[in-house]
Amino acid sequence: MGEYNEECLKTFLEKQEQLFDEPVAETLEAAEAFLEDCMAVVVESLAEVREYFEENGMDVDGMSEEELEEASEVFALPDGTYLIVEG
């Protein structure tokens, strides 16, 4: 697998309905292809989540770290990193 490790892909498969009304992938391979197609990124911290959103024109001023982590586009990964998927 490429940029997304197995834990990342499994987390996305399990939690994809937090962002999408219906599943967009059912296998690890399909999840990886979907994430590559929408240019999802993995970042190291909530500070990097904030930076990513700011760079992409989202107004995150005044959002707490908890609010950032709860954003539907943000998937907390088991290793402490974050997957950001723009739906």
PDB file of N, CA and C in Angstrom:
ATOM      1  N   MET A   1       0.834  -1.185   0.000  1.00  0.00           N
ATOM      2  CA  MET A   1       0.000   0.000   0.000  1.00  0.00           C
ATOM      3  C   MET A   1       0.873   1.241   0.000  1.00  0.00           C
ATOM      4  N   GLY A   2       0.312   2.325  -0.464  1.00  0.00           N
ATOM      5  CA  GLY A   2       1.086   3.543  -0.638  1.00  0.00           C
ATOM      6  C   GLY A   2       1.105   4.458   0.557  1.00  0.00           C
ATOM      7  N   GLU A   3       0.615   5.653   0.367  1.00  0.00           N
ATOM      8  CA  GLU A   3       0.699   6.725   1.342  1.00  0.00           C
ATOM      9  C   GLU A   3      -0.096   6.450   2.626  1.00  0.00           C
ATOM     10  N   TYR A   4      -1.129   5.635   2.537  1.00  0.00           N
ATOM     11  CA  TYR A   4      -2.023   5.382   3.663  1.00  0.00           C
ATOM     12  C   TYR A   4      -1.742   3.998   4.225  1.00  0.00           C
ATOM     13  N   ASN A   5      -1.401   3.939   5.520  1.00  0.00           N
ATOM     14  CA  ASN A   5      -1.115   2.627   6.108  1.00  0.00           C
ATOM     15  C   ASN A   5      -2.424   1.879   6.391  1.00  0.00           C
ATOM     16  N   GLU A   6      -2.292   0.625   6.764  1.00  0.00           N
ATOM     17  CA  GLU A   6      -3.464  -0.230   6.943  1.00  0.00           C
ATOM     18  C   GLU A   6      -4.395   0.305   8.032  1.00  0.00           C
ATOM     19  N   GLU A   7      -3.836   0.799   9.136  1.00  0.00           N
ATOM     20  CA  GLU A   7      -4.674   1.344  10.212  1.00  0.00           C
ATOM     21  C   GLU A   7      -5.466   2.555   9.725  1.00  0.00           C
ATOM     22  N   CYS A   8      -4.845   3.377   8.929  1.00  0.00           N
ATOM     23  CA  CYS A   8      -5.507   4.546   8.349  1.00  0.00           C
ATOM     24  C   CYS A   8      -6.686   4.101   7.483  1.00  0.00           C
ATOM     25  N   LEU A   9      -6.460   3.143   6.629  1.00  0.00           N
ATOM     26  CA  LEU A   9      -7.509   2.654   5.734  1.00  0.00           C
ATOM     27  C   LEU A   9      -8.639   1.996   6.511  1.00  0.00           C
ATOM     28  N   LYS A  10      -8.301   1.205   7.521  1.00  0.00           N
ATOM     29  CA  LYS A  10      -9.330   0.556   8.343  1.00  0.00           C
ATOM     30  C   LYS A  10     -10.165   1.594   9.084  1.00  0.00           C
ATOM     31  N   THR A  11      -9.510   2.611   9.629  1.00  0.00           N
ATOM     32  CA  THR A  11     -10.232   3.666  10.340  1.00  0.00           C
ATOM     33  C   THR A  11     -11.192   4.375   9.401  1.00  0.00           C
ATOM     34  N   PHE A  12     -10.716   4.700   8.192  1.00  0.00           N
ATOM     35  CA  PHE A  12     -11.591   5.355   7.230  1.00  0.00           C
ATOM     36  C   PHE A  12     -12.784   4.463   6.888  1.00  0.00           C
ATOM     37  N   LEU A  13     -12.545   3.190   6.649  1.00  0.00           N
ATOM     38  CA  LEU A  13     -13.650   2.280   6.319  1.00  0.00           C
ATOM     39  C   LEU A  13     -14.679   2.240   7.450  1.00  0.00           C
ATOM     40  N   GLU A  14     -14.201   2.183   8.697  1.00  0.00           N
ATOM     41  CA  GLU A  14     -15.102   2.095   9.846  1.00  0.00           C
ATOM     42  C   GLU A  14     -15.890   3.382  10.071  1.00  0.00           C
ATOM     43  N   LYS A  15     -15.272   4.526   9.795  1.00  0.00           N
ATOM     44  CA  LYS A  15     -15.876   5.807  10.163  1.00  0.00           C
ATOM     45  C   LYS A  15     -16.305   6.664   8.982  1.00  0.00           C
ATOM     46  N   GLN A  16     -16.278   6.127   7.767  1.00  0.00           N
ATOM     47  CA  GLN A  16     -16.553   6.942   6.587  1.00  0.00           C
ATOM     48  C   GLN A  16     -17.930   7.598   6.608  1.00  0.00           C
ATOM     49  N   GLU A  17     -18.884   7.019   7.326  1.00  0.00           N
ATOM     50  CA  GLU A  17     -20.227   7.594   7.336  1.00  0.00           C
ATOM     51  C   GLU A  17     -20.324   8.850   8.205  1.00  0.00           C
ATOM     52  N   GLN A  18     -19.231   9.225   8.897  1.00  0.00           N
ATOM     53  CA  GLN A  18     -19.245  10.510   9.597  1.00  0.00           C
ATOM     54  C   GLN A  18     -19.171  11.657   8.587  1.00  0.00           C
ATOM     55  N   LEU A  19     -18.692  11.358   7.378  1.00  0.00           N
ATOM     56  CA  LEU A  19     -18.548  12.374   6.339  1.00  0.00           C
ATOM     57  C   LEU A  19     -19.510  12.156   5.171  1.00  0.00           C
ATOM     58  N   PHE A  20     -19.806  10.916   4.867  1.00  0.00           N
ATOM     59  CA  PHE A  20     -20.631  10.586   3.708  1.00  0.00           C
ATOM     60  C   PHE A  20     -21.924   9.908   4.146  1.00  0.00           C
ATOM     61  N   ASP A  21     -23.012  10.160   3.405  1.00  0.00           N
ATOM     62  CA  ASP A  21     -24.311   9.580   3.744  1.00  0.00           C
ATOM     63  C   ASP A  21     -24.350   8.071   3.568  1.00  0.00           C
ATOM     64  N   GLU A  22     -23.524   7.576   2.668  1.00  0.00           N
ATOM     65  CA  GLU A  22     -23.460   6.135   2.439  1.00  0.00           C
ATOM     66  C   GLU A  22     -22.006   5.757   2.186  1.00  0.00           C
ATOM     67  N   PRO A  23     -21.661   4.491   2.401  1.00  0.00           N
ATOM     68  CA  PRO A  23     -20.260   4.077   2.222  1.00  0.00           C
ATOM     69  C   PRO A  23     -19.747   4.370   0.810  1.00  0.00           C
ATOM     70  N   VAL A  24     -18.506   4.841   0.750  1.00  0.00           N
ATOM     71  CA  VAL A  24     -17.867   5.102  -0.540  1.00  0.00           C
ATOM     72  C   VAL A  24     -16.842   4.019  -0.872  1.00  0.00           C
ATOM     73  N   ALA A  25     -16.530   3.169   0.106  1.00  0.00           N
ATOM     74  CA  ALA A  25     -15.573   2.080  -0.101  1.00  0.00           C
ATOM     75  C   ALA A  25     -15.929   0.928   0.833  1.00  0.00           C
ATOM     76  N   GLU A  26     -15.656  -0.291   0.361  1.00  0.00           N
ATOM     77  CA  GLU A  26     -15.952  -1.469   1.179  1.00  0.00           C
ATOM     78  C   GLU A  26     -14.727  -2.330   1.448  1.00  0.00           C
ATOM     79  N   THR A  27     -13.633  -2.076   0.729  1.00  0.00           N
ATOM     80  CA  THR A  27     -12.414  -2.849   0.924  1.00  0.00           C
ATOM     81  C   THR A  27     -11.254  -1.887   1.173  1.00  0.00           C
ATOM     82  N   LEU A  28     -10.157  -2.411   1.680  1.00  0.00           N
ATOM     83  CA  LEU A  28      -8.972  -1.584   1.896  1.00  0.00           C
ATOM     84  C   LEU A  28      -8.490  -0.980   0.579  1.00  0.00           C
ATOM     85  N   GLU A  29      -8.521  -1.780  -0.481  1.00  0.00           N
ATOM     86  CA  GLU A  29      -8.067  -1.306  -1.785  1.00  0.00           C
ATOM     87  C   GLU A  29      -8.959  -0.172  -2.295  1.00  0.00           C
ATOM     88  N   ALA A  30     -10.259  -0.331  -2.136  1.00  0.00           N
ATOM     89  CA  ALA A  30     -11.195   0.714  -2.578  1.00  0.00           C
ATOM     90  C   ALA A  30     -11.025   1.974  -1.735  1.00  0.00           C
ATOM     91  N   ALA A  31     -10.786   1.794  -0.438  1.00  0.00           N
ATOM     92  CA  ALA A  31     -10.567   2.947   0.438  1.00  0.00           C
ATOM     93  C   ALA A  31      -9.315   3.702   0.014  1.00  0.00           C
ATOM     94  N   GLU A  32      -8.250   2.956  -0.278  1.00  0.00           N
ATOM     95  CA  GLU A  32      -7.004   3.595  -0.700  1.00  0.00           C
ATOM     96  C   GLU A  32      -7.198   4.355  -2.012  1.00  0.00           C
ATOM     97  N   ALA A  33      -7.883   3.748  -2.958  1.00  0.00           N
ATOM     98  CA  ALA A  33      -8.130   4.408  -4.242  1.00  0.00           C
ATOM     99  C   ALA A  33      -8.969   5.663  -4.046  1.00  0.00           C
ATOM    100  N   PHE A  34      -9.991   5.588  -3.187  1.00  0.00           N
ATOM    101  CA  PHE A  34     -10.841   6.755  -2.938  1.00  0.00           C
ATOM    102  C   PHE A  34     -10.033   7.883  -2.297  1.00  0.00           C
ATOM    103  N   LEU A  35      -9.235   7.548  -1.283  1.00  0.00           N
ATOM    104  CA  LEU A  35      -8.446   8.568  -0.593  1.00  0.00           C
ATOM    105  C   LEU A  35      -7.437   9.215  -1.534  1.00  0.00           C
ATOM    106  N   GLU A  36      -6.834   8.416  -2.409  1.00  0.00           N
ATOM    107  CA  GLU A  36      -5.905   8.964  -3.400  1.00  0.00           C
ATOM    108  C   GLU A  36      -6.626   9.891  -4.364  1.00  0.00           C
ATOM    109  N   ASP A  37      -7.814   9.484  -4.807  1.00  0.00           N
ATOM    110  CA  ASP A  37      -8.579  10.294  -5.761  1.00  0.00           C
ATOM    111  C   ASP A  37      -8.963  11.653  -5.181  1.00  0.00           C
ATOM    112  N   CYS A  38      -9.312  11.686  -3.896  1.00  0.00           N
ATOM    113  CA  CYS A  38      -9.726  12.970  -3.315  1.00  0.00           C
ATOM    114  C   CYS A  38      -8.560  13.665  -2.612  1.00  0.00           C
ATOM    115  N   MET A  39      -7.351  13.142  -2.805  1.00  0.00           N
ATOM    116  CA  MET A  39      -6.126  13.740  -2.264  1.00  0.00           C
ATOM    117  C   MET A  39      -6.193  13.969  -0.756  1.00  0.00           C
ATOM    118  N   ALA A  40      -6.680  12.968  -0.046  1.00  0.00           N
ATOM    119  CA  ALA A  40      -6.721  13.024   1.410  1.00  0.00           C
ATOM    120  C   ALA A  40      -5.291  13.090   1.941  1.00  0.00           C
ATOM    121  N   VAL A  41      -5.123  13.723   3.091  1.00  0.00           N
ATOM    122  CA  VAL A  41      -3.788  13.856   3.672  1.00  0.00           C
ATOM    123  C   VAL A  41      -3.781  13.350   5.107  1.00  0.00           C
ATOM    124  N   VAL A  42      -2.620  12.891   5.528  1.00  0.00           N
ATOM    125  CA  VAL A  42      -2.397  12.504   6.917  1.00  0.00           C
ATOM    126  C   VAL A  42      -1.458  13.535   7.520  1.00  0.00           C
ATOM    127  N   VAL A  43      -1.870  14.097   8.663  1.00  0.00           N
ATOM    128  CA  VAL A  43      -1.038  15.086   9.352  1.00  0.00           C
ATOM    129  C   VAL A  43      -0.735  14.595  10.761  1.00  0.00           C
ATOM    130  N   GLU A  44       0.298  15.190  11.348  1.00  0.00           N
ATOM    131  CA  GLU A  44       0.824  14.705  12.624  1.00  0.00           C
ATOM    132  C   GLU A  44       0.075  15.192  13.866  1.00  0.00           C
ATOM    133  N   SER A  45      -0.623  16.331  13.775  1.00  0.00           N
ATOM    134  CA  SER A  45      -1.196  16.928  14.988  1.00  0.00           C
ATOM    135  C   SER A  45      -2.407  17.789  14.649  1.00  0.00           C
ATOM    136  N   LEU A  46      -3.138  18.183  15.685  1.00  0.00           N
ATOM    137  CA  LEU A  46      -4.266  19.088  15.474  1.00  0.00           C
ATOM    138  C   LEU A  46      -3.796  20.454  14.994  1.00  0.00           C
ATOM    139  N   ALA A  47      -2.580  20.847  15.374  1.00  0.00           N
ATOM    140  CA  ALA A  47      -2.015  22.103  14.870  1.00  0.00           C
ATOM    141  C   ALA A  47      -1.876  22.022  13.352  1.00  0.00           C
ATOM    142  N   GLU A  48      -1.469  20.864  12.847  1.00  0.00           N
ATOM    143  CA  GLU A  48      -1.353  20.689  11.400  1.00  0.00           C
ATOM    144  C   GLU A  48      -2.726  20.602  10.733  1.00  0.00           C
ATOM    145  N   VAL A  49      -3.727  20.066  11.449  1.00  0.00           N
ATOM    146  CA  VAL A  49      -5.099  20.068  10.931  1.00  0.00           C
ATOM    147  C   VAL A  49      -5.543  21.516  10.734  1.00  0.00           C
ATOM    148  N   ARG A  50      -5.311  22.358  11.756  1.00  0.00           N
ATOM    149  CA  ARG A  50      -5.683  23.772  11.685  1.00  0.00           C
ATOM    150  C   ARG A  50      -4.973  24.450  10.514  1.00  0.00           C
ATOM    151  N   GLU A  51      -3.670  24.192  10.392  1.00  0.00           N
ATOM    152  CA  GLU A  51      -2.872  24.775   9.314  1.00  0.00           C
ATOM    153  C   GLU A  51      -3.404  24.351   7.940  1.00  0.00           C
ATOM    154  N   TYR A  52      -3.744  23.082   7.803  1.00  0.00           N
ATOM    155  CA  TYR A  52      -4.278  22.570   6.544  1.00  0.00           C
ATOM    156  C   TYR A  52      -5.571  23.302   6.182  1.00  0.00           C
ATOM    157  N   PHE A  53      -6.480  23.408   7.149  1.00  0.00           N
ATOM    158  CA  PHE A  53      -7.753  24.082   6.894  1.00  0.00           C
ATOM    159  C   PHE A  53      -7.529  25.544   6.515  1.00  0.00           C
ATOM    160  N   GLU A  54      -6.634  26.215   7.235  1.00  0.00           N
ATOM    161  CA  GLU A  54      -6.353  27.628   6.932  1.00  0.00           C
ATOM    162  C   GLU A  54      -5.798  27.782   5.517  1.00  0.00           C
ATOM    163  N   GLU A  55      -4.871  26.901   5.145  1.00  0.00           N
ATOM    164  CA  GLU A  55      -4.268  26.963   3.808  1.00  0.00           C
ATOM    165  C   GLU A  55      -5.288  26.711   2.704  1.00  0.00           C
ATOM    166  N   ASN A  56      -6.363  26.008   3.053  1.00  0.00           N
ATOM    167  CA  ASN A  56      -7.387  25.685   2.059  1.00  0.00           C
ATOM    168  C   ASN A  56      -8.619  26.574   2.188  1.00  0.00           C
ATOM    169  N   GLY A  57      -8.448  27.705   2.865  1.00  0.00           N
ATOM    170  CA  GLY A  57      -9.488  28.718   2.886  1.00  0.00           C
ATOM    171  C   GLY A  57     -10.610  28.532   3.879  1.00  0.00           C
ATOM    172  N   MET A  58     -10.474  27.603   4.797  1.00  0.00           N
ATOM    173  CA  MET A  58     -11.524  27.419   5.799  1.00  0.00           C
ATOM    174  C   MET A  58     -11.269  28.356   6.976  1.00  0.00           C
ATOM    175  N   ASP A  59     -12.336  28.929   7.499  1.00  0.00           N
ATOM    176  CA  ASP A  59     -12.229  29.825   8.647  1.00  0.00           C
ATOM    177  C   ASP A  59     -12.258  28.986   9.923  1.00  0.00           C
ATOM    178  N   VAL A  60     -11.105  28.808  10.534  1.00  0.00           N
ATOM    179  CA  VAL A  60     -11.021  28.006  11.755  1.00  0.00           C
ATOM    180  C   VAL A  60     -10.669  28.862  12.966  1.00  0.00           C
ATOM    181  N   ASP A  61     -10.643  30.183  12.783  1.00  0.00           N
ATOM    182  CA  ASP A  61     -10.397  31.070  13.925  1.00  0.00           C
ATOM    183  C   ASP A  61     -11.484  30.828  14.962  1.00  0.00           C
ATOM    184  N   GLY A  62     -11.064  30.685  16.178  1.00  0.00           N
ATOM    185  CA  GLY A  62     -12.024  30.486  17.253  1.00  0.00           C
ATOM    186  C   GLY A  62     -12.441  29.047  17.456  1.00  0.00           C
ATOM    187  N   MET A  63     -12.021  28.141  16.584  1.00  0.00           N
ATOM    188  CA  MET A  63     -12.352  26.726  16.789  1.00  0.00           C
ATOM    189  C   MET A  63     -11.381  26.128  17.788  1.00  0.00           C
ATOM    190  N   SER A  64     -11.910  25.404  18.759  1.00  0.00           N
ATOM    191  CA  SER A  64     -11.054  24.734  19.733  1.00  0.00           C
ATOM    192  C   SER A  64     -10.451  23.482  19.089  1.00  0.00           C
ATOM    193  N   GLU A  65      -9.443  22.918  19.750  1.00  0.00           N
ATOM    194  CA  GLU A  65      -8.863  21.673  19.231  1.00  0.00           C
ATOM    195  C   GLU A  65      -9.926  20.571  19.197  1.00  0.00           C
ATOM    196  N   GLU A  66     -10.789  20.557  20.205  1.00  0.00           N
ATOM    197  CA  GLU A  66     -11.851  19.553  20.240  1.00  0.00           C
ATOM    198  C   GLU A  66     -12.793  19.713  19.043  1.00  0.00           C
ATOM    199  N   GLU A  67     -13.140  20.955  18.705  1.00  0.00           N
ATOM    200  CA  GLU A  67     -14.007  21.200  17.551  1.00  0.00           C
ATOM    201  C   GLU A  67     -13.321  20.786  16.246  1.00  0.00           C
ATOM    202  N   LEU A  68     -12.017  21.050  16.145  1.00  0.00           N
ATOM    203  CA  LEU A  68     -11.270  20.611  14.963  1.00  0.00           C
ATOM    204  C   LEU A  68     -11.304  19.096  14.839  1.00  0.00           C
ATOM    205  N   GLU A  69     -11.064  18.421  15.960  1.00  0.00           N
ATOM    206  CA  GLU A  69     -11.020  16.960  15.946  1.00  0.00           C
ATOM    207  C   GLU A  69     -12.386  16.368  15.609  1.00  0.00           C
ATOM    208  N   GLU A  70     -13.461  17.090  15.943  1.00  0.00           N
ATOM    209  CA  GLU A  70     -14.809  16.589  15.693  1.00  0.00           C
ATOM    210  C   GLU A  70     -15.329  16.965  14.306  1.00  0.00           C
ATOM    211  N   ALA A  71     -14.569  17.730  13.534  1.00  0.00           N
ATOM    212  CA  ALA A  71     -15.001  18.085  12.180  1.00  0.00           C
ATOM    213  C   ALA A  71     -15.203  16.811  11.371  1.00  0.00           C
ATOM    214  N   SER A  72     -16.252  16.790  10.556  1.00  0.00           N
ATOM    215  CA  SER A  72     -16.577  15.557   9.831  1.00  0.00           C
ATOM    216  C   SER A  72     -15.471  15.124   8.872  1.00  0.00           C
ATOM    217  N   GLU A  73     -14.632  16.073   8.443  1.00  0.00           N
ATOM    218  CA  GLU A  73     -13.540  15.742   7.513  1.00  0.00           C
ATOM    219  C   GLU A  73     -12.320  15.157   8.204  1.00  0.00           C
ATOM    220  N   VAL A  74     -12.287  15.186   9.540  1.00  0.00           N
ATOM    221  CA  VAL A  74     -11.108  14.785  10.303  1.00  0.00           C
ATOM    222  C   VAL A  74     -11.342  13.423  10.948  1.00  0.00           C
ATOM    223  N   PHE A  75     -10.436  12.516  10.673  1.00  0.00           N
ATOM    224  CA  PHE A  75     -10.502  11.168  11.235  1.00  0.00           C
ATOM    225  C   PHE A  75      -9.275  10.973  12.126  1.00  0.00           C
ATOM    226  N   ALA A  76      -9.493  10.827  13.435  1.00  0.00           N
ATOM    227  CA  ALA A  76      -8.389  10.563  14.354  1.00  0.00           C
ATOM    228  C   ALA A  76      -7.928   9.125  14.144  1.00  0.00           C
ATOM    229  N   LEU A  77      -6.635   8.942  13.955  1.00  0.00           N
ATOM    230  CA  LEU A  77      -6.080   7.611  13.712  1.00  0.00           C
ATOM    231  C   LEU A  77      -5.486   7.044  14.995  1.00  0.00           C
ATOM    232  N   PRO A  78      -5.429   5.718  15.097  1.00  0.00           N
ATOM    233  CA  PRO A  78      -4.948   5.075  16.324  1.00  0.00           C
ATOM    234  C   PRO A  78      -3.520   5.495  16.734  1.00  0.00           C
ATOM    235  N   ASP A  79      -2.696   5.891  15.775  1.00  0.00           N
ATOM    236  CA  ASP A  79      -1.312   6.249  16.112  1.00  0.00           C
ATOM    237  C   ASP A  79      -1.153   7.713  16.538  1.00  0.00           C
ATOM    238  N   GLY A  80      -2.293   8.426  16.664  1.00  0.00           N
ATOM    239  CA  GLY A  80      -2.236   9.813  17.119  1.00  0.00           C
ATOM    240  C   GLY A  80      -2.167  10.832  15.996  1.00  0.00           C
ATOM    241  N   THR A  81      -2.134  10.364  14.751  1.00  0.00           N
ATOM    242  CA  THR A  81      -2.141  11.277  13.611  1.00  0.00           C
ATOM    243  C   THR A  81      -3.595  11.469  13.163  1.00  0.00           C
ATOM    244  N   TYR A  82      -3.778  12.301  12.132  1.00  0.00           N
ATOM    245  CA  TYR A  82      -5.122  12.612  11.668  1.00  0.00           C
ATOM    246  C   TYR A  82      -5.195  12.510  10.151  1.00  0.00           C
ATOM    247  N   LEU A  83      -6.272  11.888   9.681  1.00  0.00           N
ATOM    248  CA  LEU A  83      -6.561  11.806   8.257  1.00  0.00           C
ATOM    249  C   LEU A  83      -7.568  12.898   7.946  1.00  0.00           C
ATOM    250  N   ILE A  84      -7.298  13.721   6.930  1.00  0.00           N
ATOM    251  CA  ILE A  84      -8.228  14.767   6.512  1.00  0.00           C
ATOM    252  C   ILE A  84      -8.744  14.396   5.125  1.00  0.00           C
ATOM    253  N   VAL A  85     -10.064  14.256   5.017  1.00  0.00           N
ATOM    254  CA  VAL A  85     -10.711  13.867   3.765  1.00  0.00           C
ATOM    255  C   VAL A  85     -11.708  14.961   3.412  1.00  0.00           C
ATOM    256  N   GLU A  86     -11.514  15.573   2.266  1.00  0.00           N
ATOM    257  CA  GLU A  86     -12.476  16.590   1.824  1.00  0.00           C
ATOM    258  C   GLU A  86     -13.530  15.908   0.968  1.00  0.00           C
ATOM    259  N   GLY A  87     -14.759  15.940   1.454  1.00  0.00           N
ATOM    260  CA  GLY A  87     -15.849  15.270   0.768  1.00  0.00           C
ATOM    261  C   GLY A  87     -16.419  16.136  -0.286  1.00  0.00           C
TER     262      GLY A  87
END
